[in-house]
mmCIF file of all heavy atoms, coordinates in Angstrom:
data_MODEL
# 
_entry.id   MODEL 
# 
loop_
_atom_site.group_PDB 
_atom_site.id 
_atom_site.type_symbol 
_atom_site.label_atom_id 
_atom_site.label_alt_id 
_atom_site.label_comp_id 
_atom_site.label_asym_id 
_atom_site.label_entity_id 
_atom_site.label_seq_id 
_atom_site.pdbx_PDB_ins_code 
_atom_site.Cartn_x 
_atom_site.Cartn_y 
_atom_site.Cartn_z 
_atom_site.occupancy 
_atom_site.B_iso_or_equiv 
_atom_site.pdbx_formal_charge 
_atom_site.auth_seq_id 
_atom_site.auth_comp_id 
_atom_site.auth_asym_id 
_atom_site.auth_atom_id 
_atom_site.pdbx_PDB_model_num 
ATOM 1   N N   . CYS A 1 1  ? 0.831  -1.206 0.000  1.00 0.00 ? 1  CYS A N   1 
ATOM 2   C CA  . CYS A 1 1  ? 0.000  0.000  0.000  1.00 0.00 ? 1  CYS A CA  1 
ATOM 3   C C   . CYS A 1 1  ? 0.865  1.255  0.000  1.00 0.00 ? 1  CYS A C   1 
ATOM 4   O O   . CYS A 1 1  ? 1.937  1.290  0.606  1.00 0.00 ? 1  CYS A O   1 
ATOM 5   C CB  . CYS A 1 1  ? -0.912 0.011  1.224  1.00 0.00 ? 1  CYS A CB  1 
ATOM 6   S SG  . CYS A 1 1  ? -2.056 -1.373 1.311  1.00 0.00 ? 1  CYS A SG  1 
ATOM 7   N N   . GLN A 1 2  ? 0.368  2.271  -0.663 1.00 0.00 ? 2  GLN A N   1 
ATOM 8   C CA  . GLN A 1 2  ? 1.088  3.543  -0.728 1.00 0.00 ? 2  GLN A CA  1 
ATOM 9   C C   . GLN A 1 2  ? 1.102  4.233  0.640  1.00 0.00 ? 2  GLN A C   1 
ATOM 10  O O   . GLN A 1 2  ? 0.081  4.311  1.322  1.00 0.00 ? 2  GLN A O   1 
ATOM 11  C CB  . GLN A 1 2  ? 0.434  4.486  -1.732 1.00 0.00 ? 2  GLN A CB  1 
ATOM 12  C CG  . GLN A 1 2  ? 0.484  4.023  -3.171 1.00 0.00 ? 2  GLN A CG  1 
ATOM 13  C CD  . GLN A 1 2  ? -0.238 4.975  -4.108 1.00 0.00 ? 2  GLN A CD  1 
ATOM 14  O OE1 . GLN A 1 2  ? -0.707 6.036  -3.698 1.00 0.00 ? 2  GLN A OE1 1 
ATOM 15  N NE2 . GLN A 1 2  ? -0.340 4.594  -5.367 1.00 0.00 ? 2  GLN A NE2 1 
ATOM 16  N N   . PHE A 1 3  ? 2.285  4.695  1.031  1.00 0.00 ? 3  PHE A N   1 
ATOM 17  C CA  . PHE A 1 3  ? 2.388  5.631  2.145  1.00 0.00 ? 3  PHE A CA  1 
ATOM 18  C C   . PHE A 1 3  ? 3.200  6.810  1.622  1.00 0.00 ? 3  PHE A C   1 
ATOM 19  O O   . PHE A 1 3  ? 4.428  6.749  1.535  1.00 0.00 ? 3  PHE A O   1 
ATOM 20  C CB  . PHE A 1 3  ? 3.068  5.026  3.370  1.00 0.00 ? 3  PHE A CB  1 
ATOM 21  C CG  . PHE A 1 3  ? 2.956  5.913  4.595  1.00 0.00 ? 3  PHE A CG  1 
ATOM 22  C CD1 . PHE A 1 3  ? 2.004  5.666  5.562  1.00 0.00 ? 3  PHE A CD1 1 
ATOM 23  C CD2 . PHE A 1 3  ? 3.779  7.018  4.751  1.00 0.00 ? 3  PHE A CD2 1 
ATOM 24  C CE1 . PHE A 1 3  ? 1.878  6.496  6.675  1.00 0.00 ? 3  PHE A CE1 1 
ATOM 25  C CE2 . PHE A 1 3  ? 3.669  7.859  5.850  1.00 0.00 ? 3  PHE A CE2 1 
ATOM 26  C CZ  . PHE A 1 3  ? 2.711  7.595  6.814  1.00 0.00 ? 3  PHE A CZ  1 
ATOM 27  N N   . LYS A 1 4  ? 2.499  7.877  1.269  1.00 0.00 ? 4  LYS A N   1 
ATOM 28  C CA  . LYS A 1 4  ? 3.151  9.045  0.690  1.00 0.00 ? 4  LYS A CA  1 
ATOM 29  C C   . LYS A 1 4  ? 3.609  10.000 1.792  1.00 0.00 ? 4  LYS A C   1 
ATOM 30  O O   . LYS A 1 4  ? 2.917  10.192 2.785  1.00 0.00 ? 4  LYS A O   1 
ATOM 31  C CB  . LYS A 1 4  ? 2.180  9.772  -0.241 1.00 0.00 ? 4  LYS A CB  1 
ATOM 32  C CG  . LYS A 1 4  ? 1.669  8.929  -1.397 1.00 0.00 ? 4  LYS A CG  1 
ATOM 33  C CD  . LYS A 1 4  ? 0.666  9.719  -2.231 1.00 0.00 ? 4  LYS A CD  1 
ATOM 34  C CE  . LYS A 1 4  ? 0.141  8.909  -3.400 1.00 0.00 ? 4  LYS A CE  1 
ATOM 35  N NZ  . LYS A 1 4  ? -0.852 9.665  -4.196 1.00 0.00 ? 4  LYS A NZ  1 
ATOM 36  N N   . ARG A 1 5  ? 4.763  10.602 1.564  1.00 0.00 ? 5  ARG A N   1 
ATOM 37  C CA  . ARG A 1 5  ? 5.280  11.528 2.577  1.00 0.00 ? 5  ARG A CA  1 
ATOM 38  C C   . ARG A 1 5  ? 4.373  12.741 2.759  1.00 0.00 ? 5  ARG A C   1 
ATOM 39  O O   . ARG A 1 5  ? 4.376  13.356 3.832  1.00 0.00 ? 5  ARG A O   1 
ATOM 40  C CB  . ARG A 1 5  ? 6.704  11.971 2.239  1.00 0.00 ? 5  ARG A CB  1 
ATOM 41  C CG  . ARG A 1 5  ? 6.845  12.832 1.020  1.00 0.00 ? 5  ARG A CG  1 
ATOM 42  C CD  . ARG A 1 5  ? 8.301  13.080 0.660  1.00 0.00 ? 5  ARG A CD  1 
ATOM 43  N NE  . ARG A 1 5  ? 9.016  13.849 1.669  1.00 0.00 ? 5  ARG A NE  1 
ATOM 44  C CZ  . ARG A 1 5  ? 10.331 14.087 1.644  1.00 0.00 ? 5  ARG A CZ  1 
ATOM 45  N NH1 . ARG A 1 5  ? 11.069 13.586 0.663  1.00 0.00 ? 5  ARG A NH1 1 
ATOM 46  N NH2 . ARG A 1 5  ? 10.914 14.812 2.568  1.00 0.00 ? 5  ARG A NH2 1 
ATOM 47  N N   . SER A 1 6  ? 3.554  13.049 1.758  1.00 0.00 ? 6  SER A N   1 
ATOM 48  C CA  . SER A 1 6  ? 2.626  14.172 1.894  1.00 0.00 ? 6  SER A CA  1 
ATOM 49  C C   . SER A 1 6  ? 1.600  13.930 2.999  1.00 0.00 ? 6  SER A C   1 
ATOM 50  O O   . SER A 1 6  ? 1.014  14.882 3.532  1.00 0.00 ? 6  SER A O   1 
ATOM 51  C CB  . SER A 1 6  ? 1.907  14.442 0.563  1.00 0.00 ? 6  SER A CB  1 
ATOM 52  O OG  . SER A 1 6  ? 1.197  13.294 0.123  1.00 0.00 ? 6  SER A OG  1 
ATOM 53  N N   . LEU A 1 7  ? 1.390  12.657 3.375  1.00 0.00 ? 7  LEU A N   1 
ATOM 54  C CA  . LEU A 1 7  ? 0.483  12.347 4.481  1.00 0.00 ? 7  LEU A CA  1 
ATOM 55  C C   . LEU A 1 7  ? 0.991  12.915 5.800  1.00 0.00 ? 7  LEU A C   1 
ATOM 56  O O   . LEU A 1 7  ? 0.218  13.121 6.731  1.00 0.00 ? 7  LEU A O   1 
ATOM 57  C CB  . LEU A 1 7  ? 0.317  10.829 4.614  1.00 0.00 ? 7  LEU A CB  1 
ATOM 58  C CG  . LEU A 1 7  ? -0.409 10.084 3.501  1.00 0.00 ? 7  LEU A CG  1 
ATOM 59  C CD1 . LEU A 1 7  ? -0.317 8.581  3.716  1.00 0.00 ? 7  LEU A CD1 1 
ATOM 60  C CD2 . LEU A 1 7  ? -1.874 10.517 3.446  1.00 0.00 ? 7  LEU A CD2 1 
ATOM 61  N N   . LEU A 1 8  ? 2.286  13.176 5.855  1.00 0.00 ? 8  LEU A N   1 
ATOM 62  C CA  . LEU A 1 8  ? 2.890  13.680 7.086  1.00 0.00 ? 8  LEU A CA  1 
ATOM 63  C C   . LEU A 1 8  ? 2.708  15.188 7.243  1.00 0.00 ? 8  LEU A C   1 
ATOM 64  O O   . LEU A 1 8  ? 3.196  15.767 8.219  1.00 0.00 ? 8  LEU A O   1 
ATOM 65  C CB  . LEU A 1 8  ? 4.383  13.318 7.122  1.00 0.00 ? 8  LEU A CB  1 
ATOM 66  C CG  . LEU A 1 8  ? 4.685  11.811 7.052  1.00 0.00 ? 8  LEU A CG  1 
ATOM 67  C CD1 . LEU A 1 8  ? 6.194  11.580 6.994  1.00 0.00 ? 8  LEU A CD1 1 
ATOM 68  C CD2 . LEU A 1 8  ? 4.073  11.071 8.216  1.00 0.00 ? 8  LEU A CD2 1 
ATOM 69  N N   . GLN A 1 9  ? 2.091  15.814 6.249  1.00 0.00 ? 9  GLN A N   1 
ATOM 70  C CA  . GLN A 1 9  ? 1.706  17.230 6.289  1.00 0.00 ? 9  GLN A CA  1 
ATOM 71  C C   . GLN A 1 9  ? 2.851  18.147 6.731  1.00 0.00 ? 9  GLN A C   1 
ATOM 72  O O   . GLN A 1 9  ? 3.847  18.274 6.051  1.00 0.00 ? 9  GLN A O   1 
ATOM 73  C CB  . GLN A 1 9  ? 0.460  17.376 7.174  1.00 0.00 ? 9  GLN A CB  1 
ATOM 74  C CG  . GLN A 1 9  ? -0.759 16.671 6.596  1.00 0.00 ? 9  GLN A CG  1 
ATOM 75  C CD  . GLN A 1 9  ? -1.947 16.697 7.529  1.00 0.00 ? 9  GLN A CD  1 
ATOM 76  O OE1 . GLN A 1 9  ? -2.212 15.727 8.212  1.00 0.00 ? 9  GLN A OE1 1 
ATOM 77  N NE2 . GLN A 1 9  ? -2.676 17.801 7.559  1.00 0.00 ? 9  GLN A NE2 1 
ATOM 78  N N   . ASN A 1 10 ? 2.736  18.773 7.896  1.00 0.00 ? 10 ASN A N   1 
ATOM 79  C CA  . ASN A 1 10 ? 3.765  19.731 8.323  1.00 0.00 ? 10 ASN A CA  1 
ATOM 80  C C   . ASN A 1 10 ? 5.111  19.072 8.603  1.00 0.00 ? 10 ASN A C   1 
ATOM 81  O O   . ASN A 1 10 ? 6.117  19.766 8.743  1.00 0.00 ? 10 ASN A O   1 
ATOM 82  C CB  . ASN A 1 10 ? 3.301  20.478 9.583  1.00 0.00 ? 10 ASN A CB  1 
ATOM 83  C CG  . ASN A 1 10 ? 2.143  21.413 9.299  1.00 0.00 ? 10 ASN A CG  1 
ATOM 84  O OD1 . ASN A 1 10 ? 1.872  21.754 8.148  1.00 0.00 ? 10 ASN A OD1 1 
ATOM 85  N ND2 . ASN A 1 10 ? 1.435  21.823 10.340 1.00 0.00 ? 10 ASN A ND2 1 
ATOM 86  N N   . CYS A 1 11 ? 5.126  17.755 8.689  1.00 0.00 ? 11 CYS A N   1 
ATOM 87  C CA  . CYS A 1 11 ? 6.372  17.030 8.927  1.00 0.00 ? 11 CYS A CA  1 
ATOM 88  C C   . CYS A 1 11 ? 6.839  16.266 7.684  1.00 0.00 ? 11 CYS A C   1 
ATOM 89  O O   . CYS A 1 11 ? 7.666  15.363 7.782  1.00 0.00 ? 11 CYS A O   1 
ATOM 90  C CB  . CYS A 1 11 ? 6.202  16.054 10.091 1.00 0.00 ? 11 CYS A CB  1 
ATOM 91  S SG  . CYS A 1 11 ? 6.132  16.861 11.713 1.00 0.00 ? 11 CYS A SG  1 
ATOM 92  N N   . SER A 1 12 ? 6.311  16.630 6.526  1.00 0.00 ? 12 SER A N   1 
ATOM 93  C CA  . SER A 1 12 ? 6.684  15.933 5.291  1.00 0.00 ? 12 SER A CA  1 
ATOM 94  C C   . SER A 1 12 ? 7.988  16.446 4.698  1.00 0.00 ? 12 SER A C   1 
ATOM 95  O O   . SER A 1 12 ? 8.610  15.777 3.873  1.00 0.00 ? 12 SER A O   1 
ATOM 96  C CB  . SER A 1 12 ? 5.567  16.081 4.258  1.00 0.00 ? 12 SER A CB  1 
ATOM 97  O OG  . SER A 1 12 ? 5.439  17.444 3.851  1.00 0.00 ? 12 SER A OG  1 
ATOM 98  N N   . GLY A 1 13 ? 8.388  17.653 5.082  1.00 0.00 ? 13 GLY A N   1 
ATOM 99  C CA  . GLY A 1 13 ? 9.574  18.260 4.497  1.00 0.00 ? 13 GLY A CA  1 
ATOM 100 C C   . GLY A 1 13 ? 9.313  18.868 3.137  1.00 0.00 ? 13 GLY A C   1 
ATOM 101 O O   . GLY A 1 13 ? 10.248 19.280 2.445  1.00 0.00 ? 13 GLY A O   1 
ATOM 102 N N   . ILE A 1 14 ? 8.051  18.931 2.733  1.00 0.00 ? 14 ILE A N   1 
ATOM 103 C CA  . ILE A 1 14 ? 7.700  19.476 1.415  1.00 0.00 ? 14 ILE A CA  1 
ATOM 104 C C   . ILE A 1 14 ? 7.565  20.996 1.489  1.00 0.00 ? 14 ILE A C   1 
ATOM 105 O O   . ILE A 1 14 ? 8.252  21.734 0.785  1.00 0.00 ? 14 ILE A O   1 
ATOM 106 C CB  . ILE A 1 14 ? 6.403  18.828 0.893  1.00 0.00 ? 14 ILE A CB  1 
ATOM 107 C CG1 . ILE A 1 14 ? 6.606  17.323 0.689  1.00 0.00 ? 14 ILE A CG1 1 
ATOM 108 C CG2 . ILE A 1 14 ? 5.974  19.483 -0.425 1.00 0.00 ? 14 ILE A CG2 1 
ATOM 109 C CD1 . ILE A 1 14 ? 5.347  16.555 0.339  1.00 0.00 ? 14 ILE A CD1 1 
ATOM 110 N N   . GLU A 1 15 ? 6.684  21.472 2.359  1.00 0.00 ? 15 GLU A N   1 
ATOM 111 C CA  . GLU A 1 15 ? 6.508  22.925 2.496  1.00 0.00 ? 15 GLU A CA  1 
ATOM 112 C C   . GLU A 1 15 ? 7.599  23.539 3.374  1.00 0.00 ? 15 GLU A C   1 
ATOM 113 O O   . GLU A 1 15 ? 8.055  24.645 3.118  1.00 0.00 ? 15 GLU A O   1 
ATOM 114 C CB  . GLU A 1 15 ? 5.124  23.234 3.073  1.00 0.00 ? 15 GLU A CB  1 
ATOM 115 C CG  . GLU A 1 15 ? 3.987  22.922 2.097  1.00 0.00 ? 15 GLU A CG  1 
ATOM 116 C CD  . GLU A 1 15 ? 2.665  23.451 2.588  1.00 0.00 ? 15 GLU A CD  1 
ATOM 117 O OE1 . GLU A 1 15 ? 2.643  24.198 3.590  1.00 0.00 ? 15 GLU A OE1 1 
ATOM 118 O OE2 . GLU A 1 15 ? 1.642  23.124 1.954  1.00 0.00 ? 15 GLU A OE2 1 
ATOM 119 N N   . ASP A 1 16 ? 7.991  22.826 4.406  1.00 0.00 ? 16 ASP A N   1 
ATOM 120 C CA  . ASP A 1 16 ? 9.084  23.282 5.269  1.00 0.00 ? 16 ASP A CA  1 
ATOM 121 C C   . ASP A 1 16 ? 10.217 22.264 5.164  1.00 0.00 ? 16 ASP A C   1 
ATOM 122 O O   . ASP A 1 16 ? 10.212 21.235 5.854  1.00 0.00 ? 16 ASP A O   1 
ATOM 123 C CB  . ASP A 1 16 ? 8.608  23.398 6.717  1.00 0.00 ? 16 ASP A CB  1 
ATOM 124 C CG  . ASP A 1 16 ? 9.756  23.802 7.665  1.00 0.00 ? 16 ASP A CG  1 
ATOM 125 O OD1 . ASP A 1 16 ? 10.846 24.149 7.161  1.00 0.00 ? 16 ASP A OD1 1 
ATOM 126 O OD2 . ASP A 1 16 ? 9.539  23.768 8.894  1.00 0.00 ? 16 ASP A OD2 1 
ATOM 127 N N   . PRO A 1 17 ? 11.188 22.519 4.305  1.00 0.00 ? 17 PRO A N   1 
ATOM 128 C CA  . PRO A 1 17 ? 12.271 21.547 4.103  1.00 0.00 ? 17 PRO A CA  1 
ATOM 129 C C   . PRO A 1 17 ? 13.178 21.358 5.305  1.00 0.00 ? 17 PRO A C   1 
ATOM 130 O O   . PRO A 1 17 ? 14.050 20.490 5.290  1.00 0.00 ? 17 PRO A O   1 
ATOM 131 C CB  . PRO A 1 17 ? 13.049 22.135 2.927  1.00 0.00 ? 17 PRO A CB  1 
ATOM 132 C CG  . PRO A 1 17 ? 12.722 23.584 2.912  1.00 0.00 ? 17 PRO A CG  1 
ATOM 133 C CD  . PRO A 1 17 ? 11.324 23.707 3.427  1.00 0.00 ? 17 PRO A CD  1 
ATOM 134 N N   . THR A 1 18 ? 12.968 22.137 6.383  1.00 0.00 ? 18 THR A N   1 
ATOM 135 C CA  . THR A 1 18 ? 13.782 21.960 7.593  1.00 0.00 ? 18 THR A CA  1 
ATOM 136 C C   . THR A 1 18 ? 13.032 21.153 8.657  1.00 0.00 ? 18 THR A C   1 
ATOM 137 O O   . THR A 1 18 ? 13.547 20.970 9.760  1.00 0.00 ? 18 THR A O   1 
ATOM 138 C CB  . THR A 1 18 ? 14.213 23.310 8.203  1.00 0.00 ? 18 THR A CB  1 
ATOM 139 O OG1 . THR A 1 18 ? 13.082 23.959 8.797  1.00 0.00 ? 18 THR A OG1 1 
ATOM 140 C CG2 . THR A 1 18 ? 14.844 24.209 7.157  1.00 0.00 ? 18 THR A CG2 1 
ATOM 141 N N   . PHE A 1 19 ? 11.837 20.680 8.340  1.00 0.00 ? 19 PHE A N   1 
ATOM 142 C CA  . PHE A 1 19 ? 11.054 19.860 9.270  1.00 0.00 ? 19 PHE A CA  1 
ATOM 143 C C   . PHE A 1 19 ? 10.853 20.534 10.627 1.00 0.00 ? 19 PHE A C   1 
ATOM 144 O O   . PHE A 1 19 ? 10.769 19.865 11.656 1.00 0.00 ? 19 PHE A O   1 
ATOM 145 C CB  . PHE A 1 19 ? 11.720 18.492 9.482  1.00 0.00 ? 19 PHE A CB  1 
ATOM 146 C CG  . PHE A 1 19 ? 11.846 17.662 8.233  1.00 0.00 ? 19 PHE A CG  1 
ATOM 147 C CD1 . PHE A 1 19 ? 13.028 17.674 7.500  1.00 0.00 ? 19 PHE A CD1 1 
ATOM 148 C CD2 . PHE A 1 19 ? 10.792 16.887 7.778  1.00 0.00 ? 19 PHE A CD2 1 
ATOM 149 C CE1 . PHE A 1 19 ? 13.155 16.912 6.347  1.00 0.00 ? 19 PHE A CE1 1 
ATOM 150 C CE2 . PHE A 1 19 ? 10.909 16.121 6.619  1.00 0.00 ? 19 PHE A CE2 1 
ATOM 151 C CZ  . PHE A 1 19 ? 12.088 16.135 5.907  1.00 0.00 ? 19 PHE A CZ  1 
ATOM 152 N N   . GLY A 1 20 ? 10.791 21.864 10.622 1.00 0.00 ? 20 GLY A N   1 
ATOM 153 C CA  . GLY A 1 20 ? 10.549 22.605 11.853 1.00 0.00 ? 20 GLY A CA  1 
ATOM 154 C C   . GLY A 1 20 ? 11.784 22.881 12.689 1.00 0.00 ? 20 GLY A C   1 
ATOM 155 O O   . GLY A 1 20 ? 11.716 23.627 13.672 1.00 0.00 ? 20 GLY A O   1 
ATOM 156 N N   . TYR A 1 21 ? 12.925 22.296 12.323 1.00 0.00 ? 21 TYR A N   1 
ATOM 157 C CA  . TYR A 1 21 ? 14.136 22.472 13.147 1.00 0.00 ? 21 TYR A CA  1 
ATOM 158 C C   . TYR A 1 21 ? 14.616 23.917 13.139 1.00 0.00 ? 21 TYR A C   1 
ATOM 159 O O   . TYR A 1 21 ? 15.150 24.398 14.140 1.00 0.00 ? 21 TYR A O   1 
ATOM 160 C CB  . TYR A 1 21 ? 15.236 21.521 12.664 1.00 0.00 ? 21 TYR A CB  1 
ATOM 161 C CG  . TYR A 1 21 ? 15.001 20.087 13.086 1.00 0.00 ? 21 TYR A CG  1 
ATOM 162 C CD1 . TYR A 1 21 ? 14.106 19.278 12.404 1.00 0.00 ? 21 TYR A CD1 1 
ATOM 163 C CD2 . TYR A 1 21 ? 15.660 19.553 14.190 1.00 0.00 ? 21 TYR A CD2 1 
ATOM 164 C CE1 . TYR A 1 21 ? 13.869 17.958 12.793 1.00 0.00 ? 21 TYR A CE1 1 
ATOM 165 C CE2 . TYR A 1 21 ? 15.440 18.240 14.596 1.00 0.00 ? 21 TYR A CE2 1 
ATOM 166 C CZ  . TYR A 1 21 ? 14.534 17.455 13.894 1.00 0.00 ? 21 TYR A CZ  1 
ATOM 167 O OH  . TYR A 1 21 ? 14.287 16.159 14.295 1.00 0.00 ? 21 TYR A OH  1 
ATOM 168 N N   . SER A 1 22 ? 14.425 24.605 12.041 1.00 0.00 ? 22 SER A N   1 
ATOM 169 C CA  . SER A 1 22 ? 14.862 25.999 11.959 1.00 0.00 ? 22 SER A CA  1 
ATOM 170 C C   . SER A 1 22 ? 14.014 26.924 12.827 1.00 0.00 ? 22 SER A C   1 
ATOM 171 O O   . SER A 1 22 ? 14.386 28.066 13.083 1.00 0.00 ? 22 SER A O   1 
ATOM 172 C CB  . SER A 1 22 ? 14.821 26.485 10.511 1.00 0.00 ? 22 SER A CB  1 
ATOM 173 O OG  . SER A 1 22 ? 13.489 26.482 10.019 1.00 0.00 ? 22 SER A OG  1 
ATOM 174 N N   . LYS A 1 23 ? 12.870 26.415 13.301 1.00 0.00 ? 23 LYS A N   1 
ATOM 175 C CA  . LYS A 1 23 ? 11.975 27.211 14.144 1.00 0.00 ? 23 LYS A CA  1 
ATOM 176 C C   . LYS A 1 23 ? 11.972 26.725 15.590 1.00 0.00 ? 23 LYS A C   1 
ATOM 177 O O   . LYS A 1 23 ? 11.219 27.244 16.411 1.00 0.00 ? 23 LYS A O   1 
ATOM 178 C CB  . LYS A 1 23 ? 10.547 27.147 13.590 1.00 0.00 ? 23 LYS A CB  1 
ATOM 179 C CG  . LYS A 1 23 ? 10.415 27.591 12.148 1.00 0.00 ? 23 LYS A CG  1 
ATOM 180 C CD  . LYS A 1 23 ? 9.014  27.307 11.623 1.00 0.00 ? 23 LYS A CD  1 
ATOM 181 C CE  . LYS A 1 23 ? 8.891  27.643 10.141 1.00 0.00 ? 23 LYS A CE  1 
ATOM 182 N NZ  . LYS A 1 23 ? 7.568  27.269 9.597  1.00 0.00 ? 23 LYS A NZ  1 
ATOM 183 N N   . GLY A 1 24 ? 12.773 25.711 15.871 1.00 0.00 ? 24 GLY A N   1 
ATOM 184 C CA  . GLY A 1 24 ? 12.760 25.151 17.215 1.00 0.00 ? 24 GLY A CA  1 
ATOM 185 C C   . GLY A 1 24 ? 11.543 24.296 17.482 1.00 0.00 ? 24 GLY A C   1 
ATOM 186 O O   . GLY A 1 24 ? 11.150 24.086 18.640 1.00 0.00 ? 24 GLY A O   1 
ATOM 187 N N   . GLN A 1 25 ? 10.924 23.805 16.402 1.00 0.00 ? 25 GLN A N   1 
ATOM 188 C CA  . GLN A 1 25 ? 9.733  22.950 16.506 1.00 0.00 ? 25 GLN A CA  1 
ATOM 189 C C   . GLN A 1 25 ? 9.979  21.661 15.711 1.00 0.00 ? 25 GLN A C   1 
ATOM 190 O O   . GLN A 1 25 ? 9.398  21.450 14.652 1.00 0.00 ? 25 GLN A O   1 
ATOM 191 C CB  . GLN A 1 25 ? 8.507  23.681 15.968 1.00 0.00 ? 25 GLN A CB  1 
ATOM 192 C CG  . GLN A 1 25 ? 8.190  24.972 16.711 1.00 0.00 ? 25 GLN A CG  1 
ATOM 193 C CD  . GLN A 1 25 ? 6.994  25.696 16.113 1.00 0.00 ? 25 GLN A CD  1 
ATOM 194 O OE1 . GLN A 1 25 ? 6.674  25.562 14.933 1.00 0.00 ? 25 GLN A OE1 1 
ATOM 195 N NE2 . GLN A 1 25 ? 6.320  26.476 16.942 1.00 0.00 ? 25 GLN A NE2 1 
# 
């Protein structure tokens, strides 16, 4: 079954390529 990284939303690294690390989150 497909598990796409886009399912991870804010933790997908797509919109925020730093996965929140640059913001302390």
